[in-house]
Amino acid sequence: MQSHIIPIGNSKGIRLPATLLRQCNIIDEVELLAGKDEIIIRPVQKAPRAGWGEAFALMHERGEDSLLIDDGLDLEDWEWK
C-alpha cells in the first residue's frame, strides 16, 4: 500500500486507513521505530494487569477489600433445584 506524506503544522504525517489500523490492533498509542530506510509503527503493548496494585492498595485504604458482602445470603443453606 502506498500513501502520501502530508503537512501537519510544522511536522509531517501519513493518513492511515481505519481498516488498516483495525487489522493491526492499533487503537490509540503507537510505538515508532526507525530502521535503515524504514519506519516501523506498532501498537503499544500495555501490561495486562497494569494499575491493579495501586487499585488494590486504594481499596484497602478505603476498607473495600473484604471478601464477603455482608448481606446475610451466606447464613442460610441454599436448596438447588
PDB file of N, CA and C in Angstrom:
ATOM      1  N   MET A   1       0.846  -1.167   0.000  1.00  0.00           N
ATOM      2  CA  MET A   1       0.000   0.000   0.000  1.00  0.00           C
ATOM      3  C   MET A   1       0.897   1.238   0.000  1.00  0.00           C
ATOM      4  N   GLN A   2       0.562   2.198  -0.789  1.00  0.00           N
ATOM      5  CA  GLN A   2       1.309   3.447  -0.829  1.00  0.00           C
ATOM      6  C   GLN A   2       0.450   4.564  -0.256  1.00  0.00           C
ATOM      7  N   SER A   3       1.115   5.556   0.315  1.00  0.00           N
ATOM      8  CA  SER A   3       0.429   6.701   0.888  1.00  0.00           C
ATOM      9  C   SER A   3       1.283   7.935   0.650  1.00  0.00           C
ATOM     10  N   HIS A   4       0.713   9.091   0.878  1.00  0.00           N
ATOM     11  CA  HIS A   4       1.442  10.342   0.690  1.00  0.00           C
ATOM     12  C   HIS A   4       1.748  10.969   2.042  1.00  0.00           C
ATOM     13  N   ILE A   5       2.886  11.627   2.124  1.00  0.00           N
ATOM     14  CA  ILE A   5       3.238  12.385   3.318  1.00  0.00           C
ATOM     15  C   ILE A   5       2.563  13.745   3.196  1.00  0.00           C
ATOM     16  N   ILE A   6       1.875  14.156   4.281  1.00  0.00           N
ATOM     17  CA  ILE A   6       1.131  15.412   4.264  1.00  0.00           C
ATOM     18  C   ILE A   6       1.662  16.346   5.349  1.00  0.00           C
ATOM     19  N   PRO A   7       1.551  17.656   5.146  1.00  0.00           N
ATOM     20  CA  PRO A   7       1.974  18.598   6.187  1.00  0.00           C
ATOM     21  C   PRO A   7       0.943  18.657   7.312  1.00  0.00           C
ATOM     22  N   ILE A   8       1.436  18.657   8.548  1.00  0.00           N
ATOM     23  CA  ILE A   8       0.593  18.830   9.732  1.00  0.00           C
ATOM     24  C   ILE A   8       1.307  19.867  10.602  1.00  0.00           C
ATOM     25  N   GLY A   9       0.926  21.126  10.474  1.00  0.00           N
ATOM     26  CA  GLY A   9       1.627  22.199  11.177  1.00  0.00           C
ATOM     27  C   GLY A   9       3.067  22.259  10.705  1.00  0.00           C
ATOM     28  N   ASN A  10       4.004  22.218  11.656  1.00  0.00           N
ATOM     29  CA  ASN A  10       5.429  22.217  11.322  1.00  0.00           C
ATOM     30  C   ASN A  10       5.963  20.804  11.109  1.00  0.00           C
ATOM     31  N   SER A  11       5.101  19.813  11.239  1.00  0.00           N
ATOM     32  CA  SER A  11       5.514  18.411  11.113  1.00  0.00           C
ATOM     33  C   SER A  11       4.975  17.810   9.827  1.00  0.00           C
ATOM     34  N   LYS A  12       5.169  16.534   9.681  1.00  0.00           N
ATOM     35  CA  LYS A  12       4.643  15.777   8.542  1.00  0.00           C
ATOM     36  C   LYS A  12       3.856  14.597   9.095  1.00  0.00           C
ATOM     37  N   GLY A  13       2.932  14.088   8.312  1.00  0.00           N
ATOM     38  CA  GLY A  13       2.128  12.963   8.751  1.00  0.00           C
ATOM     39  C   GLY A  13       1.751  12.060   7.598  1.00  0.00           C
ATOM     40  N   ILE A  14       1.180  10.920   7.961  1.00  0.00           N
ATOM     41  CA  ILE A  14       0.691   9.953   6.982  1.00  0.00           C
ATOM     42  C   ILE A  14      -0.715   9.563   7.411  1.00  0.00           C
ATOM     43  N   ARG A  15      -1.654   9.615   6.499  1.00  0.00           N
ATOM     44  CA  ARG A  15      -3.012   9.148   6.796  1.00  0.00           C
ATOM     45  C   ARG A  15      -3.038   7.639   6.651  1.00  0.00           C
ATOM     46  N   LEU A  16      -3.549   6.986   7.685  1.00  0.00           N
ATOM     47  CA  LEU A  16      -3.647   5.526   7.665  1.00  0.00           C
ATOM     48  C   LEU A  16      -5.123   5.140   7.627  1.00  0.00           C
ATOM     49  N   PRO A  17      -5.517   4.276   6.722  1.00  0.00           N
ATOM     50  CA  PRO A  17      -6.915   3.849   6.654  1.00  0.00           C
ATOM     51  C   PRO A  17      -7.356   3.152   7.947  1.00  0.00           C
ATOM     52  N   ALA A  18      -8.594   3.414   8.357  1.00  0.00           N
ATOM     53  CA  ALA A  18      -9.133   2.819   9.577  1.00  0.00           C
ATOM     54  C   ALA A  18      -9.099   1.294   9.514  1.00  0.00           C
ATOM     55  N   THR A  19      -9.336   0.720   8.345  1.00  0.00           N
ATOM     56  CA  THR A  19      -9.311  -0.744   8.231  1.00  0.00           C
ATOM     57  C   THR A  19      -7.911  -1.292   8.512  1.00  0.00           C
ATOM     58  N   LEU A  20      -6.887  -0.571   8.081  1.00  0.00           N
ATOM     59  CA  LEU A  20      -5.510  -0.995   8.349  1.00  0.00           C
ATOM     60  C   LEU A  20      -5.207  -0.919   9.841  1.00  0.00           C
ATOM     61  N   LEU A  21      -5.655   0.151  10.499  1.00  0.00           N
ATOM     62  CA  LEU A  21      -5.437   0.290  11.943  1.00  0.00           C
ATOM     63  C   LEU A  21      -6.139  -0.833  12.708  1.00  0.00           C
ATOM     64  N   ARG A  22      -7.372  -1.140  12.330  1.00  0.00           N
ATOM     65  CA  ARG A  22      -8.098  -2.242  12.995  1.00  0.00           C
ATOM     66  C   ARG A  22      -7.392  -3.570  12.768  1.00  0.00           C
ATOM     67  N   GLN A  23      -6.937  -3.798  11.563  1.00  0.00           N
ATOM     68  CA  GLN A  23      -6.256  -5.046  11.217  1.00  0.00           C
ATOM     69  C   GLN A  23      -4.996  -5.233  12.060  1.00  0.00           C
ATOM     70  N   CYS A  24      -4.334  -4.140  12.413  1.00  0.00           N
ATOM     71  CA  CYS A  24      -3.087  -4.201  13.189  1.00  0.00           C
ATOM     72  C   CYS A  24      -3.319  -3.975  14.681  1.00  0.00           C
ATOM     73  N   ASN A  25      -4.584  -3.931  15.110  1.00  0.00           N
ATOM     74  CA  ASN A  25      -4.942  -3.714  16.521  1.00  0.00           C
ATOM     75  C   ASN A  25      -4.365  -2.413  17.072  1.00  0.00           C
ATOM     76  N   ILE A  26      -4.357  -1.383  16.271  1.00  0.00           N
ATOM     77  CA  ILE A  26      -3.884  -0.074  16.712  1.00  0.00           C
ATOM     78  C   ILE A  26      -5.107   0.755  17.086  1.00  0.00           C
ATOM     79  N   ILE A  27      -5.157   1.161  18.364  1.00  0.00           N
ATOM     80  CA  ILE A  27      -6.315   1.899  18.859  1.00  0.00           C
ATOM     81  C   ILE A  27      -5.968   3.364  19.105  1.00  0.00           C
ATOM     82  N   ASP A  28      -4.988   3.610  19.986  1.00  0.00           N
ATOM     83  CA  ASP A  28      -4.693   5.000  20.296  1.00  0.00           C
ATOM     84  C   ASP A  28      -3.203   5.325  20.409  1.00  0.00           C
ATOM     85  N   GLU A  29      -2.401   4.426  20.924  1.00  0.00           N
ATOM     86  CA  GLU A  29      -0.979   4.706  21.084  1.00  0.00           C
ATOM     87  C   GLU A  29      -0.161   3.775  20.199  1.00  0.00           C
ATOM     88  N   VAL A  30       0.906   4.325  19.627  1.00  0.00           N
ATOM     89  CA  VAL A  30       1.799   3.526  18.799  1.00  0.00           C
ATOM     90  C   VAL A  30       3.236   3.742  19.233  1.00  0.00           C
ATOM     91  N   GLU A  31       4.059   2.779  18.907  1.00  0.00           N
ATOM     92  CA  GLU A  31       5.498   2.869  19.106  1.00  0.00           C
ATOM     93  C   GLU A  31       6.123   3.045  17.726  1.00  0.00           C
ATOM     94  N   LEU A  32       7.030   3.995  17.608  1.00  0.00           N
ATOM     95  CA  LEU A  32       7.708   4.245  16.341  1.00  0.00           C
ATOM     96  C   LEU A  32       9.154   3.796  16.453  1.00  0.00           C
ATOM     97  N   LEU A  33       9.594   3.001  15.503  1.00  0.00           N
ATOM     98  CA  LEU A  33      10.970   2.520  15.468  1.00  0.00           C
ATOM     99  C   LEU A  33      11.581   2.920  14.133  1.00  0.00           C
ATOM    100  N   ALA A  34      12.789   3.447  14.192  1.00  0.00           N
ATOM    101  CA  ALA A  34      13.491   3.831  12.966  1.00  0.00           C
ATOM    102  C   ALA A  34      14.533   2.780  12.647  1.00  0.00           C
ATOM    103  N   GLY A  35      14.484   2.271  11.440  1.00  0.00           N
ATOM    104  CA  GLY A  35      15.469   1.307  10.956  1.00  0.00           C
ATOM    105  C   GLY A  35      16.174   1.894   9.750  1.00  0.00           C
ATOM    106  N   LYS A  36      16.929   1.069   9.089  1.00  0.00           N
ATOM    107  CA  LYS A  36      17.617   1.534   7.888  1.00  0.00           C
ATOM    108  C   LYS A  36      16.588   1.702   6.772  1.00  0.00           C
ATOM    109  N   ASP A  37      16.350   2.927   6.380  1.00  0.00           N
ATOM    110  CA  ASP A  37      15.398   3.264   5.312  1.00  0.00           C
ATOM    111  C   ASP A  37      13.977   2.784   5.587  1.00  0.00           C
ATOM    112  N   GLU A  38      13.587   2.709   6.861  1.00  0.00           N
ATOM    113  CA  GLU A  38      12.220   2.294   7.168  1.00  0.00           C
ATOM    114  C   GLU A  38      11.782   2.860   8.510  1.00  0.00           C
ATOM    115  N   ILE A  39      10.494   3.007   8.656  1.00  0.00           N
ATOM    116  CA  ILE A  39       9.873   3.377   9.925  1.00  0.00           C
ATOM    117  C   ILE A  39       8.870   2.279  10.246  1.00  0.00           C
ATOM    118  N   ILE A  40       8.952   1.742  11.442  1.00  0.00           N
ATOM    119  CA  ILE A  40       8.036   0.683  11.871  1.00  0.00           C
ATOM    120  C   ILE A  40       7.060   1.293  12.867  1.00  0.00           C
ATOM    121  N   ILE A  41       5.783   1.090  12.621  1.00  0.00           N
ATOM    122  CA  ILE A  41       4.722   1.570  13.505  1.00  0.00           C
ATOM    123  C   ILE A  41       4.034   0.342  14.074  1.00  0.00           C
ATOM    124  N   ARG A  42       3.983   0.251  15.404  1.00  0.00           N
ATOM    125  CA  ARG A  42       3.280  -0.887  16.005  1.00  0.00           C
ATOM    126  C   ARG A  42       2.540  -0.431  17.254  1.00  0.00           C
ATOM    127  N   PRO A  43       1.479  -1.148  17.632  1.00  0.00           N
ATOM    128  CA  PRO A  43       0.698  -0.732  18.796  1.00  0.00           C
ATOM    129  C   PRO A  43       1.512  -0.866  20.076  1.00  0.00           C
ATOM    130  N   VAL A  44       1.235   0.018  21.020  1.00  0.00           N
ATOM    131  CA  VAL A  44       1.875  -0.071  22.329  1.00  0.00           C
ATOM    132  C   VAL A  44       1.235  -1.236  23.070  1.00  0.00           C
ATOM    133  N   GLN A  45       2.058  -2.137  23.549  1.00  0.00           N
ATOM    134  CA  GLN A  45       1.574  -3.290  24.303  1.00  0.00           C
ATOM    135  C   GLN A  45       1.533  -2.925  25.782  1.00  0.00           C
ATOM    136  N   LYS A  46       0.348  -2.838  26.329  1.00  0.00           N
ATOM    137  CA  LYS A  46       0.195  -2.497  27.741  1.00  0.00           C
ATOM    138  C   LYS A  46       0.167  -3.774  28.562  1.00  0.00           C
ATOM    139  N   ALA A  47       0.719  -3.695  29.765  1.00  0.00           N
ATOM    140  CA  ALA A  47       0.725  -4.852  30.657  1.00  0.00           C
ATOM    141  C   ALA A  47      -0.720  -5.225  30.990  1.00  0.00           C
ATOM    142  N   PRO A  48      -1.061  -6.519  30.968  1.00  0.00           N
ATOM    143  CA  PRO A  48      -2.448  -6.939  31.181  1.00  0.00           C
ATOM    144  C   PRO A  48      -3.050  -6.469  32.500  1.00  0.00           C
ATOM    145  N   ARG A  49      -2.257  -6.389  33.548  1.00  0.00           N
ATOM    146  CA  ARG A  49      -2.785  -6.017  34.861  1.00  0.00           C
ATOM    147  C   ARG A  49      -2.161  -4.724  35.384  1.00  0.00           C
ATOM    148  N   ALA A  50      -1.791  -3.858  34.469  1.00  0.00           N
ATOM    149  CA  ALA A  50      -1.183  -2.585  34.869  1.00  0.00           C
ATOM    150  C   ALA A  50      -2.161  -1.795  35.731  1.00  0.00           C
ATOM    151  N   GLY A  51      -1.694  -1.310  36.864  1.00  0.00           N
ATOM    152  CA  GLY A  51      -2.522  -0.494  37.745  1.00  0.00           C
ATOM    153  C   GLY A  51      -3.294  -1.260  38.796  1.00  0.00           C
ATOM    154  N   TRP A  52      -3.292  -2.586  38.722  1.00  0.00           N
ATOM    155  CA  TRP A  52      -4.046  -3.363  39.697  1.00  0.00           C
ATOM    156  C   TRP A  52      -3.505  -3.174  41.109  1.00  0.00           C
ATOM    157  N   GLY A  53      -2.187  -3.141  41.272  1.00  0.00           N
ATOM    158  CA  GLY A  53      -1.588  -2.992  42.604  1.00  0.00           C
ATOM    159  C   GLY A  53      -2.045  -1.714  43.277  1.00  0.00           C
ATOM    160  N   GLU A  54      -2.019  -0.613  42.546  1.00  0.00           N
ATOM    161  CA  GLU A  54      -2.459   0.666  43.094  1.00  0.00           C
ATOM    162  C   GLU A  54      -3.951   0.637  43.422  1.00  0.00           C
ATOM    163  N   ALA A  55      -4.739   0.007  42.571  1.00  0.00           N
ATOM    164  CA  ALA A  55      -6.182  -0.078  42.812  1.00  0.00           C
ATOM    165  C   ALA A  55      -6.477  -0.893  44.065  1.00  0.00           C
ATOM    166  N   PHE A  56      -5.767  -2.005  44.255  1.00  0.00           N
ATOM    167  CA  PHE A  56      -5.976  -2.817  45.455  1.00  0.00           C
ATOM    168  C   PHE A  56      -5.540  -2.074  46.708  1.00  0.00           C
ATOM    169  N   ALA A  57      -4.439  -1.325  46.637  1.00  0.00           N
ATOM    170  CA  ALA A  57      -3.982  -0.543  47.788  1.00  0.00           C
ATOM    171  C   ALA A  57      -5.021   0.509  48.161  1.00  0.00           C
ATOM    172  N   LEU A  58      -5.610   1.167  47.171  1.00  0.00           N
ATOM    173  CA  LEU A  58      -6.636   2.168  47.427  1.00  0.00           C
ATOM    174  C   LEU A  58      -7.886   1.523  48.025  1.00  0.00           C
ATOM    175  N   MET A  59      -8.273   0.350  47.519  1.00  0.00           N
ATOM    176  CA  MET A  59      -9.414  -0.366  48.092  1.00  0.00           C
ATOM    177  C   MET A  59      -9.156  -0.703  49.552  1.00  0.00           C
ATOM    178  N   HIS A  60      -7.938  -1.111  49.884  1.00  0.00           N
ATOM    179  CA  HIS A  60      -7.593  -1.447  51.266  1.00  0.00           C
ATOM    180  C   HIS A  60      -7.682  -0.208  52.156  1.00  0.00           C
ATOM    181  N   GLU A  61      -7.172   0.922  51.671  1.00  0.00           N
ATOM    182  CA  GLU A  61      -7.240   2.167  52.446  1.00  0.00           C
ATOM    183  C   GLU A  61      -8.682   2.563  52.730  1.00  0.00           C
ATOM    184  N   ARG A  62      -9.567   2.294  51.807  1.00  0.00           N
ATOM    185  CA  ARG A  62     -10.980   2.660  51.958  1.00  0.00           C
ATOM    186  C   ARG A  62     -11.796   1.585  52.672  1.00  0.00           C
ATOM    187  N   GLY A  63     -11.159   0.466  53.004  1.00  0.00           N
ATOM    188  CA  GLY A  63     -11.878  -0.624  53.660  1.00  0.00           C
ATOM    189  C   GLY A  63     -12.814  -1.372  52.732  1.00  0.00           C
ATOM    190  N   GLU A  64     -12.519  -1.370  51.452  1.00  0.00           N
ATOM    191  CA  GLU A  64     -13.382  -2.005  50.458  1.00  0.00           C
ATOM    192  C   GLU A  64     -12.829  -3.346  49.989  1.00  0.00           C
ATOM    193  N   ASP A  65     -11.999  -3.970  50.810  1.00  0.00           N
ATOM    194  CA  ASP A  65     -11.340  -5.196  50.356  1.00  0.00           C
ATOM    195  C   ASP A  65     -11.797  -6.448  51.103  1.00  0.00           C
ATOM    196  N   SER A  66     -12.977  -6.402  51.708  1.00  0.00           N
ATOM    197  CA  SER A  66     -13.465  -7.610  52.373  1.00  0.00           C
ATOM    198  C   SER A  66     -13.894  -8.624  51.322  1.00  0.00           C
ATOM    199  N   LEU A  67     -13.773  -9.901  51.662  1.00  0.00           N
ATOM    200  CA  LEU A  67     -14.068 -10.947  50.689  1.00  0.00           C
ATOM    201  C   LEU A  67     -15.551 -11.280  50.590  1.00  0.00           C
ATOM    202  N   LEU A  68     -16.319 -10.994  51.631  1.00  0.00           N
ATOM    203  CA  LEU A  68     -17.743 -11.300  51.614  1.00  0.00           C
ATOM    204  C   LEU A  68     -18.559 -10.019  51.666  1.00  0.00           C
ATOM    205  N   ILE A  69     -19.671 -10.033  50.991  1.00  0.00           N
ATOM    206  CA  ILE A  69     -20.609  -8.922  51.071  1.00  0.00           C
ATOM    207  C   ILE A  69     -21.527  -9.223  52.246  1.00  0.00           C
ATOM    208  N   ASP A  70     -21.640  -8.297  53.162  1.00  0.00           N
ATOM    209  CA  ASP A  70     -22.415  -8.513  54.386  1.00  0.00           C
ATOM    210  C   ASP A  70     -23.904  -8.315  54.107  1.00  0.00           C
ATOM    211  N   ASP A  71     -24.488  -9.270  53.369  1.00  0.00           N
ATOM    212  CA  ASP A  71     -25.908  -9.180  53.051  1.00  0.00           C
ATOM    213  C   ASP A  71     -26.714 -10.335  53.647  1.00  0.00           C
ATOM    214  N   GLY A  72     -26.049 -11.246  54.360  1.00  0.00           N
ATOM    215  CA  GLY A  72     -26.737 -12.339  55.020  1.00  0.00           C
ATOM    216  C   GLY A  72     -27.075 -13.520  54.130  1.00  0.00           C
ATOM    217  N   LEU A  73     -26.814 -13.445  52.847  1.00  0.00           N
ATOM    218  CA  LEU A  73     -27.163 -14.539  51.946  1.00  0.00           C
ATOM    219  C   LEU A  73     -26.378 -15.811  52.233  1.00  0.00           C
ATOM    220  N   ASP A  74     -25.233 -15.683  52.869  1.00  0.00           N
ATOM    221  CA  ASP A  74     -24.411 -16.859  53.135  1.00  0.00           C
ATOM    222  C   ASP A  74     -24.736 -17.503  54.478  1.00  0.00           C
ATOM    223  N   LEU A  75     -25.763 -17.014  55.191  1.00  0.00           N
ATOM    224  CA  LEU A  75     -26.095 -17.544  56.508  1.00  0.00           C
ATOM    225  C   LEU A  75     -27.071 -18.710  56.440  1.00  0.00           C
ATOM    226  N   GLU A  76     -27.748 -18.907  55.342  1.00  0.00           N
ATOM    227  CA  GLU A  76     -28.715 -19.991  55.199  1.00  0.00           C
ATOM    228  C   GLU A  76     -28.204 -21.005  54.186  1.00  0.00           C
ATOM    229  N   ASP A  77     -28.690 -22.253  54.342  1.00  0.00           N
ATOM    230  CA  ASP A  77     -28.365 -23.264  53.341  1.00  0.00           C
ATOM    231  C   ASP A  77     -29.203 -23.005  52.090  1.00  0.00           C
ATOM    232  N   TRP A  78     -28.579 -23.181  50.973  1.00  0.00           N
ATOM    233  CA  TRP A  78     -29.265 -22.989  49.709  1.00  0.00           C
ATOM    234  C   TRP A  78     -29.809 -24.324  49.230  1.00  0.00           C
ATOM    235  N   GLU A  79     -30.940 -24.305  48.609  1.00  0.00           N
ATOM    236  CA  GLU A  79     -31.511 -25.513  48.028  1.00  0.00           C
ATOM    237  C   GLU A  79     -31.465 -25.362  46.511  1.00  0.00           C
ATOM    238  N   TRP A  80     -30.683 -26.236  45.882  1.00  0.00           N
ATOM    239  CA  TRP A  80     -30.522 -26.172  44.436  1.00  0.00           C
ATOM    240  C   TRP A  80     -31.544 -27.073  43.764  1.00  0.00           C
ATOM    241  N   LYS A  81     -32.144 -26.623  42.723  1.00  0.00           N
ATOM    242  CA  LYS A  81     -33.156 -27.416  42.015  1.00  0.00           C
ATOM    243  C   LYS A  81     -32.692 -27.703  40.625  1.00  0.00           C
TER     244      LYS A  81
END
